[in-house]
């Protein structure tokens, strides 16, 4: 009895949704955790080596944007934690164990609408994560350029290479915030572990965003299969109802004729 119960429980687990949920949580955790720490490291680099300070007035500068991105990360982590749970619940409600427990009618009528709604939401979230992945690649590109300048400065002696923040839109054209290989701050920045760590954190955050995109695609396949499953179940239910109704009518006709024959005989 215990073995059969365990087999029944294992058979009711939506493994495809479980794999997609694990991949989604892993991707979101990497993106949010590493992205938050990378943004904090970016603030320290800008303040220490580029000598940038926060604006005293109510002006949206790069530090304000970084704070906004951090709050967005908090919201993304909370939202997709809840969304992953909802998708897992939807996966459970389309398995055979739940179907046997609640019956065909509730699963086919409610599950079909829920699956279609989740397909639309997941498709929108997949497009959003594609945008997040493309946006996360920008700081990776910027830090790659900075890391390349540091490497070239050590390889090529006497080369005067500079990194100007104006070309990335971080500061306005009127502000001149740049570091060159001839400055002491540039040498300290290249020798520090903070630059290397922030660069790799952004790479891991980019990988996490890519994993979230793959999870969304996986969810789309799972939800599409679930929607087709409940659609076929609904059609099968209608067929069974029509068949049962016809059998009942034939039984009633047969019973009526039998009674007529019996009355005629008596």
Protein backbone atom coordinates (compact mmCIF):
# COMPACT_ATOMS: atom_id res chain seq x y z
CA UNK A 1 0.00 0.00 0.00
CA UNK A 2 2.80 2.42 0.81
CA UNK A 3 4.63 1.58 -2.40
CA UNK A 4 1.51 2.13 -4.49
CA UNK A 5 0.88 5.44 -2.72
CA UNK A 6 4.42 6.60 -3.46
CA UNK A 7 4.11 5.58 -7.11
CA UNK A 8 0.83 7.46 -7.37
CA UNK A 9 2.34 10.59 -5.82
CA UNK A 10 5.38 10.43 -8.08
CA UNK A 11 3.12 9.99 -11.08
CA UNK A 12 1.24 13.15 -10.19
CA UNK A 13 4.34 15.38 -10.18
CA UNK A 14 4.61 17.60 -13.28
CA UNK A 15 8.30 16.97 -13.98
CA UNK A 16 8.41 19.28 -17.02
CA UNK A 17 7.01 22.18 -14.98
CA UNK A 18 9.35 21.28 -12.11
CA UNK A 19 12.43 21.45 -14.35
CA UNK A 20 11.28 24.77 -15.82
CA UNK A 21 10.62 26.17 -12.34
CA UNK A 22 14.07 25.17 -11.09
CA UNK A 23 15.65 26.75 -14.17
CA UNK A 24 13.57 29.91 -13.70
CA UNK A 25 14.47 30.25 -10.02
CA UNK A 26 18.15 29.63 -10.75
CA UNK A 27 18.19 32.22 -13.55
CA UNK A 28 16.29 34.84 -11.55
CA UNK A 29 18.49 34.24 -8.50
CA UNK A 30 21.67 34.67 -10.54
CA UNK A 31 20.36 37.75 -12.30
CA UNK A 32 19.03 39.46 -9.17
CA UNK A 33 21.87 38.52 -6.80
CA UNK A 34 24.80 39.09 -9.11
CA UNK A 35 23.15 42.10 -10.76
CA UNK A 36 22.59 43.78 -7.40
CA UNK A 37 26.18 43.23 -6.29
CA UNK A 38 27.51 44.32 -9.69
CA UNK A 39 25.55 47.57 -9.47
CA UNK A 40 26.96 48.19 -5.99
CA UNK A 41 30.46 47.55 -7.32
CA UNK A 42 29.79 49.96 -10.20
CA UNK A 43 28.88 52.70 -7.72
CA UNK A 44 32.14 52.15 -5.83
CA UNK A 45 34.18 52.23 -9.05
CA UNK A 46 32.55 55.45 -10.23
CA UNK A 47 33.03 57.15 -6.88
CA UNK A 48 36.57 55.91 -6.23
CA UNK A 49 38.31 55.97 -9.60
CA UNK A 50 36.19 58.34 -11.71
CA UNK A 51 35.64 60.78 -8.81
CA UNK A 52 31.91 61.05 -9.39
CA UNK A 53 29.55 62.22 -6.64
CA UNK A 54 25.80 62.10 -6.21
CA UNK A 55 23.89 65.19 -7.28
CA UNK A 56 22.55 67.21 -4.39
CA UNK A 57 19.51 68.44 -6.36
CA UNK A 58 16.61 66.31 -7.56
CA UNK A 59 18.38 65.33 -10.76
CA UNK A 60 18.27 61.84 -12.28
CA UNK A 61 21.94 60.98 -12.53
CA UNK A 62 23.67 57.62 -12.92
CA UNK A 63 23.50 56.90 -9.19
CA UNK A 64 19.75 57.51 -9.13
CA UNK A 65 19.33 55.16 -12.10
CA UNK A 66 21.36 52.50 -10.33
CA UNK A 67 19.11 52.82 -7.26
CA UNK A 68 16.05 52.45 -9.50
CA UNK A 69 17.56 49.32 -11.08
CA UNK A 70 18.10 47.85 -7.62
CA UNK A 71 14.43 48.35 -6.72
CA UNK A 72 13.45 46.81 -10.05
CA UNK A 73 15.59 43.79 -9.15
CA UNK A 74 13.73 43.44 -5.84
CA UNK A 75 10.41 43.49 -7.67
CA UNK A 76 11.56 40.99 -10.30
CA UNK A 77 12.74 38.55 -7.62
CA UNK A 78 9.44 38.71 -5.72
CA UNK A 79 7.21 38.62 -8.82
CA UNK A 80 8.84 35.61 -10.46
CA UNK A 81 9.00 33.71 -7.18
CA UNK A 82 5.20 33.93 -7.02
CA UNK A 83 4.83 33.30 -10.75
CA UNK A 84 6.91 30.13 -10.55
CA UNK A 85 4.64 28.81 -7.79
CA UNK A 86 1.53 29.59 -9.87
CA UNK A 87 2.95 27.74 -12.86
CA UNK A 88 3.76 24.74 -10.69
CA UNK A 89 0.19 24.71 -9.36
CA UNK A 90 -1.11 24.85 -12.93
CA UNK A 91 1.12 21.91 -13.78
CA UNK A 92 -0.28 19.88 -10.89
CA UNK A 93 -3.85 20.57 -11.95
CA UNK A 94 -3.25 19.07 -15.38
CA UNK A 95 -1.79 15.78 -14.18
CA UNK A 96 -3.65 12.50 -14.03
CA UNK A 97 -3.67 12.32 -10.24
CA UNK A 98 -5.54 15.62 -9.82
CA UNK A 99 -7.83 14.71 -12.71
CA UNK A 100 -8.81 11.47 -10.98
CA UNK A 101 -9.35 13.33 -7.72
CA UNK A 102 -11.55 16.20 -8.96
CA UNK A 103 -13.08 14.70 -12.08
CA UNK A 104 -13.00 15.57 -15.77
CA UNK A 105 -15.45 18.46 -15.78
CA UNK A 106 -13.64 20.81 -13.41
CA UNK A 107 -10.27 20.18 -15.02
CA UNK A 108 -11.41 20.69 -18.59
CA UNK A 109 -13.54 23.80 -18.02
CA UNK A 110 -11.21 25.67 -15.65
CA UNK A 111 -7.89 24.24 -16.78
CA UNK A 112 -8.37 25.22 -20.40
CA UNK A 113 -8.93 28.89 -19.59
CA UNK A 114 -6.13 28.95 -17.02
CA UNK A 115 -3.66 27.34 -19.44
CA UNK A 116 -4.52 29.84 -22.19
CA UNK A 117 -4.10 32.75 -19.76
CA UNK A 118 -0.72 31.48 -18.57
CA UNK A 119 0.43 30.97 -22.16
CA UNK A 120 -0.25 34.63 -22.91
CA UNK A 121 1.48 35.83 -19.71
CA UNK A 122 4.48 33.58 -20.23
CA UNK A 123 4.89 34.78 -23.81
CA UNK A 124 4.88 38.41 -22.61
CA UNK A 125 7.38 37.59 -19.85
CA UNK A 126 9.61 35.81 -22.36
CA UNK A 127 9.73 38.96 -24.49
CA UNK A 128 10.45 41.00 -21.36
CA UNK A 129 13.34 38.73 -20.40
CA UNK A 130 14.72 39.00 -23.91
CA UNK A 131 14.82 42.76 -23.39
CA UNK A 132 16.42 42.32 -19.98
CA UNK A 133 19.07 40.05 -21.50
CA UNK A 134 19.84 42.60 -24.20
CA UNK A 135 20.01 45.40 -21.62
CA UNK A 136 22.29 43.36 -19.33
CA UNK A 137 24.72 42.85 -22.20
CA UNK A 138 25.42 46.62 -22.24
CA UNK A 139 27.36 46.78 -18.95
CA UNK A 140 29.13 43.56 -19.92
CA UNK A 141 30.27 45.28 -23.12
CA UNK A 142 31.38 48.39 -21.20
CA UNK A 143 33.36 46.42 -18.64
CA UNK A 144 34.86 44.30 -21.38
CA UNK A 145 36.19 47.45 -23.02
CA UNK A 146 37.60 48.64 -19.70
CA UNK A 147 39.14 45.23 -19.02
CA UNK A 148 40.65 45.22 -22.52
CA UNK A 149 42.19 48.67 -21.98
CA UNK A 150 43.74 47.43 -18.74
CA UNK A 151 45.26 44.44 -20.53
CA UNK A 152 46.56 46.54 -23.42
CA UNK A 153 48.08 49.04 -21.02
CA UNK A 154 50.18 46.30 -19.46
CA UNK A 155 51.16 44.78 -22.80
CA UNK A 156 51.94 47.97 -24.75
CA UNK A 157 54.40 50.21 -22.94
CA UNK A 158 53.88 53.93 -23.29
CA UNK A 159 50.40 53.63 -24.79
CA UNK A 160 48.08 56.42 -23.65
CA UNK A 161 44.64 54.83 -23.67
CA UNK A 162 41.62 56.55 -22.14
CA UNK A 163 38.10 55.58 -21.18
CA UNK A 164 35.59 58.43 -21.39
CA UNK A 165 32.21 57.89 -19.74
CA UNK A 166 30.57 60.37 -22.09
CA UNK A 167 30.70 57.90 -24.97
CA UNK A 168 28.48 55.50 -22.98
CA UNK A 169 25.95 58.15 -21.98
CA UNK A 170 26.70 57.82 -18.28
CA UNK A 171 27.47 61.53 -17.92
CA UNK A 172 26.46 64.55 -20.00
CA UNK A 173 28.62 65.99 -22.76
CA UNK A 174 29.59 68.97 -20.62
CA UNK A 175 31.12 66.74 -17.94
CA UNK A 176 34.50 65.22 -18.58
CA UNK A 177 34.85 62.02 -16.60
CA UNK A 178 37.59 59.86 -18.00
CA UNK A 179 40.64 57.94 -16.85
CA UNK A 180 43.77 57.31 -18.88
CA UNK A 181 46.50 54.77 -18.58
CA UNK A 182 48.93 57.47 -17.53
CA UNK A 183 46.93 58.36 -14.41
CA UNK A 184 47.49 56.75 -11.03
CA UNK A 185 43.79 56.07 -10.49
CA UNK A 186 43.67 53.99 -13.67
CA UNK A 187 46.56 51.82 -12.49
CA UNK A 188 44.91 51.30 -9.11
CA UNK A 189 41.60 50.43 -10.76
CA UNK A 190 43.21 47.84 -13.03
CA UNK A 191 45.13 46.30 -10.13
CA UNK A 192 42.09 46.13 -7.86
CA UNK A 193 39.95 43.02 -7.54
CA UNK A 194 36.82 45.16 -7.57
CA UNK A 195 36.92 45.71 -11.32
CA UNK A 196 37.46 42.03 -12.09
CA UNK A 197 34.75 40.96 -9.65
CA UNK A 198 32.17 43.44 -10.99
CA UNK A 199 32.91 42.40 -14.57
CA UNK A 200 32.36 38.72 -13.78
CA UNK A 201 29.24 39.46 -11.74
CA UNK A 202 27.69 41.17 -14.75
CA UNK A 203 28.60 38.14 -16.87
CA UNK A 204 26.89 35.80 -14.41
CA UNK A 205 23.86 38.13 -14.30
CA UNK A 206 23.71 37.97 -18.10
CA UNK A 207 23.84 34.18 -17.94
CA UNK A 208 21.03 34.22 -15.37
CA UNK A 209 18.86 36.36 -17.65
CA UNK A 210 19.55 33.92 -20.49
CA UNK A 211 18.54 31.01 -18.25
CA UNK A 212 15.28 32.81 -17.43
CA UNK A 213 14.58 33.16 -21.17
CA UNK A 214 15.16 29.42 -21.65
CA UNK A 215 12.85 28.73 -18.70
CA UNK A 216 10.13 30.88 -20.28
CA UNK A 217 10.47 28.98 -23.57
CA UNK A 218 10.28 25.70 -21.63
CA UNK A 219 7.16 26.92 -19.85
CA UNK A 220 5.59 27.85 -23.18
CA UNK A 221 6.09 24.30 -24.44
CA UNK A 222 4.69 22.83 -21.21
CA UNK A 223 1.69 25.16 -21.13
CA UNK A 224 0.93 24.53 -24.80
CA UNK A 225 1.00 20.79 -24.18
CA UNK A 226 -1.26 21.19 -21.12
CA UNK A 227 -3.69 23.32 -23.10
CA UNK A 228 -3.86 20.69 -25.84
CA UNK A 229 -4.35 18.02 -23.16
CA UNK A 230 -7.33 19.72 -21.52
CA UNK A 231 -8.76 20.58 -24.95
CA UNK A 232 -8.71 16.91 -25.95
CA UNK A 233 -10.11 15.98 -22.56
CA UNK A 234 -12.98 18.40 -23.09
CA UNK A 235 -13.75 16.89 -26.50
CA UNK A 236 -13.54 13.39 -25.08
CA UNK A 237 -15.90 14.37 -22.29
CA UNK A 238 -18.44 15.73 -24.77
CA UNK A 239 -18.15 12.51 -26.76
CA UNK A 240 -18.71 10.42 -23.63
CA UNK A 241 -21.73 12.53 -22.68
CA UNK A 242 -23.29 12.14 -26.14
CA UNK A 243 -22.55 8.41 -26.12
CA UNK A 244 -24.02 8.00 -22.66
CA UNK A 245 -27.11 9.97 -23.68
CA UNK A 246 -27.63 7.84 -26.79
CA UNK A 247 -27.21 4.64 -24.80
CA UNK A 248 -29.74 5.88 -22.27
CA UNK A 249 -32.21 6.71 -25.05
CA UNK A 250 -31.74 3.27 -26.60
CA UNK A 251 -32.25 1.71 -23.20
CA UNK A 252 -35.44 3.70 -22.66
CA UNK A 253 -36.74 2.74 -26.11
CA UNK A 254 -35.96 -0.90 -25.47
CA UNK A 255 -37.67 -0.75 -22.07
CA UNK A 256 -40.75 0.92 -23.57
CA UNK A 257 -41.04 -1.70 -26.32
CA UNK A 258 -40.60 -4.50 -23.80
CA UNK A 259 -43.43 -3.08 -21.70
CA UNK A 260 -45.66 -2.74 -24.77
CA UNK A 261 -45.00 -6.34 -25.77
CA UNK A 262 -45.69 -7.50 -22.23
CA UNK A 263 -48.98 -5.56 -22.10
CA UNK A 264 -50.00 -6.92 -25.49
CA UNK A 265 -49.25 -10.46 -24.37
CA UNK A 266 -51.19 -10.12 -21.14
